Amino acid sequence: MSLEDRVKATAKNIEGKVQEALGDLSGDPQAQAEGQAKQVEAKIQHTVENIKDEVKKTID
């Protein structure tokens, strides 16, 4: 997995956590949901990249 993709996924996860926390503080359920969705996207991206790494290891 490229380091760049991991950094992007990690940044999206952090952004989602911040957005969710701000939604909690402000009582904005839409911001909370959007933050949670970003965290899920980041988790999916990490999983995809981990699978790519495993496939590459198997091929090599």
PDB file of N, CA and C in Angstrom:
ATOM      1  N   MET A   1       0.858  -1.173   0.000  1.00  0.00           N
ATOM      2  CA  MET A   1       0.000   0.000   0.000  1.00  0.00           C
ATOM      3  C   MET A   1       0.891   1.219   0.000  1.00  0.00           C
ATOM      4  N   SER A   2       0.462   2.170  -0.749  1.00  0.00           N
ATOM      5  CA  SER A   2       1.289   3.374  -0.781  1.00  0.00           C
ATOM      6  C   SER A   2       1.099   4.178   0.498  1.00  0.00           C
ATOM      7  N   LEU A   3       2.174   4.762   0.890  1.00  0.00           N
ATOM      8  CA  LEU A   3       2.152   5.587   2.100  1.00  0.00           C
ATOM      9  C   LEU A   3       1.171   6.743   1.932  1.00  0.00           C
ATOM     10  N   GLU A   4       1.113   7.267   0.726  1.00  0.00           N
ATOM     11  CA  GLU A   4       0.209   8.396   0.443  1.00  0.00           C
ATOM     12  C   GLU A   4      -1.248   8.006   0.698  1.00  0.00           C
ATOM     13  N   ASP A   5      -1.635   6.804   0.276  1.00  0.00           N
ATOM     14  CA  ASP A   5      -3.011   6.350   0.488  1.00  0.00           C
ATOM     15  C   ASP A   5      -3.314   6.156   1.973  1.00  0.00           C
ATOM     16  N   ARG A   6      -2.344   5.646   2.704  1.00  0.00           N
ATOM     17  CA  ARG A   6      -2.534   5.467   4.153  1.00  0.00           C
ATOM     18  C   ARG A   6      -2.687   6.817   4.843  1.00  0.00           C
ATOM     19  N   VAL A   7      -1.877   7.779   4.437  1.00  0.00           N
ATOM     20  CA  VAL A   7      -1.948   9.112   5.036  1.00  0.00           C
ATOM     21  C   VAL A   7      -3.305   9.747   4.745  1.00  0.00           C
ATOM     22  N   LYS A   8      -3.783   9.599   3.521  1.00  0.00           N
ATOM     23  CA  LYS A   8      -5.093  10.155   3.155  1.00  0.00           C
ATOM     24  C   LYS A   8      -6.207   9.518   3.988  1.00  0.00           C
ATOM     25  N   ALA A   9      -6.150   8.203   4.140  1.00  0.00           N
ATOM     26  CA  ALA A   9      -7.179   7.512   4.914  1.00  0.00           C
ATOM     27  C   ALA A   9      -7.122   7.928   6.388  1.00  0.00           C
ATOM     28  N   THR A  10      -5.925   8.065   6.917  1.00  0.00           N
ATOM     29  CA  THR A  10      -5.778   8.489   8.309  1.00  0.00           C
ATOM     30  C   THR A  10      -6.286   9.913   8.502  1.00  0.00           C
ATOM     31  N   ALA A  11      -5.970  10.783   7.546  1.00  0.00           N
ATOM     32  CA  ALA A  11      -6.447  12.166   7.622  1.00  0.00           C
ATOM     33  C   ALA A  11      -7.971  12.220   7.569  1.00  0.00           C
ATOM     34  N   LYS A  12      -8.567  11.386   6.714  1.00  0.00           N
ATOM     35  CA  LYS A  12     -10.034  11.353   6.605  1.00  0.00           C
ATOM     36  C   LYS A  12     -10.642  10.851   7.910  1.00  0.00           C
ATOM     37  N   ASN A  13     -10.000   9.882   8.543  1.00  0.00           N
ATOM     38  CA  ASN A  13     -10.481   9.370   9.820  1.00  0.00           C
ATOM     39  C   ASN A  13     -10.435  10.457  10.889  1.00  0.00           C
ATOM     40  N   ILE A  14      -9.336  11.176  10.962  1.00  0.00           N
ATOM     41  CA  ILE A  14      -9.203  12.256  11.942  1.00  0.00           C
ATOM     42  C   ILE A  14     -10.234  13.344  11.674  1.00  0.00           C
ATOM     43  N   GLU A  15     -10.383  13.695  10.408  1.00  0.00           N
ATOM     44  CA  GLU A  15     -11.381  14.711  10.032  1.00  0.00           C
ATOM     45  C   GLU A  15     -12.779  14.272  10.470  1.00  0.00           C
ATOM     46  N   GLY A  16     -13.084  12.999  10.266  1.00  0.00           N
ATOM     47  CA  GLY A  16     -14.384  12.473  10.673  1.00  0.00           C
ATOM     48  C   GLY A  16     -14.588  12.521  12.174  1.00  0.00           C
ATOM     49  N   LYS A  17     -13.548  12.184  12.928  1.00  0.00           N
ATOM     50  CA  LYS A  17     -13.654  12.223  14.390  1.00  0.00           C
ATOM     51  C   LYS A  17     -13.888  13.649  14.880  1.00  0.00           C
ATOM     52  N   VAL A  18     -13.170  14.603  14.285  1.00  0.00           N
ATOM     53  CA  VAL A  18     -13.341  16.006  14.671  1.00  0.00           C
ATOM     54  C   VAL A  18     -14.748  16.478  14.324  1.00  0.00           C
ATOM     55  N   GLN A  19     -15.207  16.138  13.112  1.00  0.00           N
ATOM     56  CA  GLN A  19     -16.542  16.566  12.689  1.00  0.00           C
ATOM     57  C   GLN A  19     -17.612  15.947  13.590  1.00  0.00           C
ATOM     58  N   GLU A  20     -17.443  14.691  13.931  1.00  0.00           N
ATOM     59  CA  GLU A  20     -18.417  14.036  14.814  1.00  0.00           C
ATOM     60  C   GLU A  20     -18.426  14.710  16.191  1.00  0.00           C
ATOM     61  N   ALA A  21     -17.235  15.002  16.721  1.00  0.00           N
ATOM     62  CA  ALA A  21     -17.147  15.649  18.032  1.00  0.00           C
ATOM     63  C   ALA A  21     -17.778  17.039  18.013  1.00  0.00           C
ATOM     64  N   LEU A  22     -17.548  17.789  16.955  1.00  0.00           N
ATOM     65  CA  LEU A  22     -18.166  19.111  16.838  1.00  0.00           C
ATOM     66  C   LEU A  22     -19.687  18.994  16.744  1.00  0.00           C
ATOM     67  N   GLY A  23     -20.139  17.964  16.038  1.00  0.00           N
ATOM     68  CA  GLY A  23     -21.577  17.719  15.967  1.00  0.00           C
ATOM     69  C   GLY A  23     -22.155  17.379  17.324  1.00  0.00           C
ATOM     70  N   ASP A  24     -21.401  16.616  18.111  1.00  0.00           N
ATOM     71  CA  ASP A  24     -21.837  16.284  19.472  1.00  0.00           C
ATOM     72  C   ASP A  24     -21.950  17.555  20.314  1.00  0.00           C
ATOM     73  N   LEU A  25     -20.933  18.394  20.214  1.00  0.00           N
ATOM     74  CA  LEU A  25     -20.914  19.620  21.017  1.00  0.00           C
ATOM     75  C   LEU A  25     -22.028  20.587  20.625  1.00  0.00           C
ATOM     76  N   SER A  26     -22.268  20.682  19.329  1.00  0.00           N
ATOM     77  CA  SER A  26     -23.260  21.648  18.856  1.00  0.00           C
ATOM     78  C   SER A  26     -24.673  21.060  18.789  1.00  0.00           C
ATOM     79  N   GLY A  27     -24.773  19.748  18.967  1.00  0.00           N
ATOM     80  CA  GLY A  27     -26.084  19.107  18.884  1.00  0.00           C
ATOM     81  C   GLY A  27     -26.573  18.961  17.453  1.00  0.00           C
ATOM     82  N   ASP A  28     -25.641  18.913  16.503  1.00  0.00           N
ATOM     83  CA  ASP A  28     -25.985  18.815  15.080  1.00  0.00           C
ATOM     84  C   ASP A  28     -25.872  17.355  14.631  1.00  0.00           C
ATOM     85  N   PRO A  29     -27.015  16.660  14.519  1.00  0.00           N
ATOM     86  CA  PRO A  29     -26.963  15.242  14.151  1.00  0.00           C
ATOM     87  C   PRO A  29     -26.433  15.014  12.733  1.00  0.00           C
ATOM     88  N   GLN A  30     -26.609  15.966  11.837  1.00  0.00           N
ATOM     89  CA  GLN A  30     -26.101  15.801  10.472  1.00  0.00           C
ATOM     90  C   GLN A  30     -24.569  15.805  10.475  1.00  0.00           C
ATOM     91  N   ALA A  31     -23.971  16.697  11.233  1.00  0.00           N
ATOM     92  CA  ALA A  31     -22.508  16.744  11.336  1.00  0.00           C
ATOM     93  C   ALA A  31     -21.988  15.459  11.983  1.00  0.00           C
ATOM     94  N   GLN A  32     -22.704  14.959  12.975  1.00  0.00           N
ATOM     95  CA  GLN A  32     -22.304  13.706  13.612  1.00  0.00           C
ATOM     96  C   GLN A  32     -22.310  12.569  12.587  1.00  0.00           C
ATOM     97  N   ALA A  33     -23.379  12.478  11.820  1.00  0.00           N
ATOM     98  CA  ALA A  33     -23.511  11.413  10.823  1.00  0.00           C
ATOM     99  C   ALA A  33     -22.449  11.531   9.739  1.00  0.00           C
ATOM    100  N   GLU A  34     -22.186  12.752   9.284  1.00  0.00           N
ATOM    101  CA  GLU A  34     -21.159  12.951   8.254  1.00  0.00           C
ATOM    102  C   GLU A  34     -19.783  12.562   8.796  1.00  0.00           C
ATOM    103  N   GLY A  35     -19.510  12.901  10.034  1.00  0.00           N
ATOM    104  CA  GLY A  35     -18.246  12.524  10.651  1.00  0.00           C
ATOM    105  C   GLY A  35     -18.098  11.014  10.760  1.00  0.00           C
ATOM    106  N   GLN A  36     -19.159  10.353  11.152  1.00  0.00           N
ATOM    107  CA  GLN A  36     -19.131   8.895  11.250  1.00  0.00           C
ATOM    108  C   GLN A  36     -18.940   8.260   9.882  1.00  0.00           C
ATOM    109  N   ALA A  37     -19.581   8.838   8.860  1.00  0.00           N
ATOM    110  CA  ALA A  37     -19.446   8.317   7.500  1.00  0.00           C
ATOM    111  C   ALA A  37     -17.999   8.447   7.013  1.00  0.00           C
ATOM    112  N   LYS A  38     -17.361   9.549   7.332  1.00  0.00           N
ATOM    113  CA  LYS A  38     -15.955   9.725   6.934  1.00  0.00           C
ATOM    114  C   LYS A  38     -15.063   8.695   7.614  1.00  0.00           C
ATOM    115  N   GLN A  39     -15.374   8.388   8.857  1.00  0.00           N
ATOM    116  CA  GLN A  39     -14.590   7.379   9.571  1.00  0.00           C
ATOM    117  C   GLN A  39     -14.757   5.998   8.940  1.00  0.00           C
ATOM    118  N   VAL A  40     -15.975   5.687   8.512  1.00  0.00           N
ATOM    119  CA  VAL A  40     -16.233   4.409   7.847  1.00  0.00           C
ATOM    120  C   VAL A  40     -15.482   4.354   6.522  1.00  0.00           C
ATOM    121  N   GLU A  41     -15.508   5.445   5.760  1.00  0.00           N
ATOM    122  CA  GLU A  41     -14.781   5.492   4.491  1.00  0.00           C
ATOM    123  C   GLU A  41     -13.290   5.245   4.716  1.00  0.00           C
ATOM    124  N   ALA A  42     -12.742   5.856   5.747  1.00  0.00           N
ATOM    125  CA  ALA A  42     -11.319   5.689   6.051  1.00  0.00           C
ATOM    126  C   ALA A  42     -11.022   4.232   6.414  1.00  0.00           C
ATOM    127  N   LYS A  43     -11.900   3.619   7.191  1.00  0.00           N
ATOM    128  CA  LYS A  43     -11.701   2.227   7.584  1.00  0.00           C
ATOM    129  C   LYS A  43     -11.738   1.314   6.356  1.00  0.00           C
ATOM    130  N   ILE A  44     -12.662   1.591   5.447  1.00  0.00           N
ATOM    131  CA  ILE A  44     -12.755   0.806   4.218  1.00  0.00           C
ATOM    132  C   ILE A  44     -11.485   0.967   3.391  1.00  0.00           C
ATOM    133  N   GLN A  45     -10.998   2.193   3.279  1.00  0.00           N
ATOM    134  CA  GLN A  45      -9.782   2.442   2.498  1.00  0.00           C
ATOM    135  C   GLN A  45      -8.597   1.694   3.109  1.00  0.00           C
ATOM    136  N   HIS A  46      -8.483   1.711   4.433  1.00  0.00           N
ATOM    137  CA  HIS A  46      -7.402   0.968   5.086  1.00  0.00           C
ATOM    138  C   HIS A  46      -7.527  -0.525   4.790  1.00  0.00           C
ATOM    139  N   THR A  47      -8.733  -1.055   4.828  1.00  0.00           N
ATOM    140  CA  THR A  47      -8.953  -2.473   4.561  1.00  0.00           C
ATOM    141  C   THR A  47      -8.561  -2.826   3.129  1.00  0.00           C
ATOM    142  N   VAL A  48      -8.978  -2.002   2.180  1.00  0.00           N
ATOM    143  CA  VAL A  48      -8.635  -2.230   0.770  1.00  0.00           C
ATOM    144  C   VAL A  48      -7.122  -2.228   0.593  1.00  0.00           C
ATOM    145  N   GLU A  49      -6.465  -1.277   1.191  1.00  0.00           N
ATOM    146  CA  GLU A  49      -5.010  -1.190   1.056  1.00  0.00           C
ATOM    147  C   GLU A  49      -4.317  -2.365   1.738  1.00  0.00           C
ATOM    148  N   ASN A  50      -4.854  -2.828   2.858  1.00  0.00           N
ATOM    149  CA  ASN A  50      -4.283  -4.005   3.518  1.00  0.00           C
ATOM    150  C   ASN A  50      -4.417  -5.243   2.638  1.00  0.00           C
ATOM    151  N   ILE A  51      -5.548  -5.370   1.962  1.00  0.00           N
ATOM    152  CA  ILE A  51      -5.752  -6.492   1.041  1.00  0.00           C
ATOM    153  C   ILE A  51      -4.752  -6.407  -0.104  1.00  0.00           C
ATOM    154  N   LYS A  52      -4.549  -5.208  -0.634  1.00  0.00           N
ATOM    155  CA  LYS A  52      -3.564  -5.024  -1.706  1.00  0.00           C
ATOM    156  C   LYS A  52      -2.179  -5.469  -1.239  1.00  0.00           C
ATOM    157  N   ASP A  53      -1.824  -5.109  -0.007  1.00  0.00           N
ATOM    158  CA  ASP A  53      -0.525  -5.508   0.536  1.00  0.00           C
ATOM    159  C   ASP A  53      -0.402  -7.025   0.617  1.00  0.00           C
ATOM    160  N   GLU A  54      -1.461  -7.675   1.077  1.00  0.00           N
ATOM    161  CA  GLU A  54      -1.427  -9.138   1.212  1.00  0.00           C
ATOM    162  C   GLU A  54      -1.317  -9.804  -0.153  1.00  0.00           C
ATOM    163  N   VAL A  55      -2.033  -9.307  -1.138  1.00  0.00           N
ATOM    164  CA  VAL A  55      -1.954  -9.861  -2.479  1.00  0.00           C
ATOM    165  C   VAL A  55      -0.541  -9.696  -3.033  1.00  0.00           C
ATOM    166  N   LYS A  56       0.028  -8.522  -2.822  1.00  0.00           N
ATOM    167  CA  LYS A  56       1.392  -8.274  -3.299  1.00  0.00           C
ATOM    168  C   LYS A  56       2.376  -9.219  -2.635  1.00  0.00           C
ATOM    169  N   LYS A  57       2.226  -9.446  -1.320  1.00  0.00           N
ATOM    170  CA  LYS A  57       3.118 -10.372  -0.610  1.00  0.00           C
ATOM    171  C   LYS A  57       2.982 -11.781  -1.185  1.00  0.00           C
ATOM    172  N   THR A  58       1.751 -12.179  -1.486  1.00  0.00           N
ATOM    173  CA  THR A  58       1.510 -13.512  -2.019  1.00  0.00           C
ATOM    174  C   THR A  58       2.139 -13.681  -3.390  1.00  0.00           C
ATOM    175  N   ILE A  59       2.037 -12.643  -4.202  1.00  0.00           N
ATOM    176  CA  ILE A  59       2.608 -12.693  -5.550  1.00  0.00           C
ATOM    177  C   ILE A  59       4.132 -12.705  -5.498  1.00  0.00           C
ATOM    178  N   ASP A  60       4.682 -11.916  -4.608  1.00  0.00           N
ATOM    179  CA  ASP A  60       6.144 -11.853  -4.502  1.00  0.00           C
ATOM    180  C   ASP A  60       6.636 -13.113  -3.860  1.00  0.00           C
TER     181      ASP A  60
END
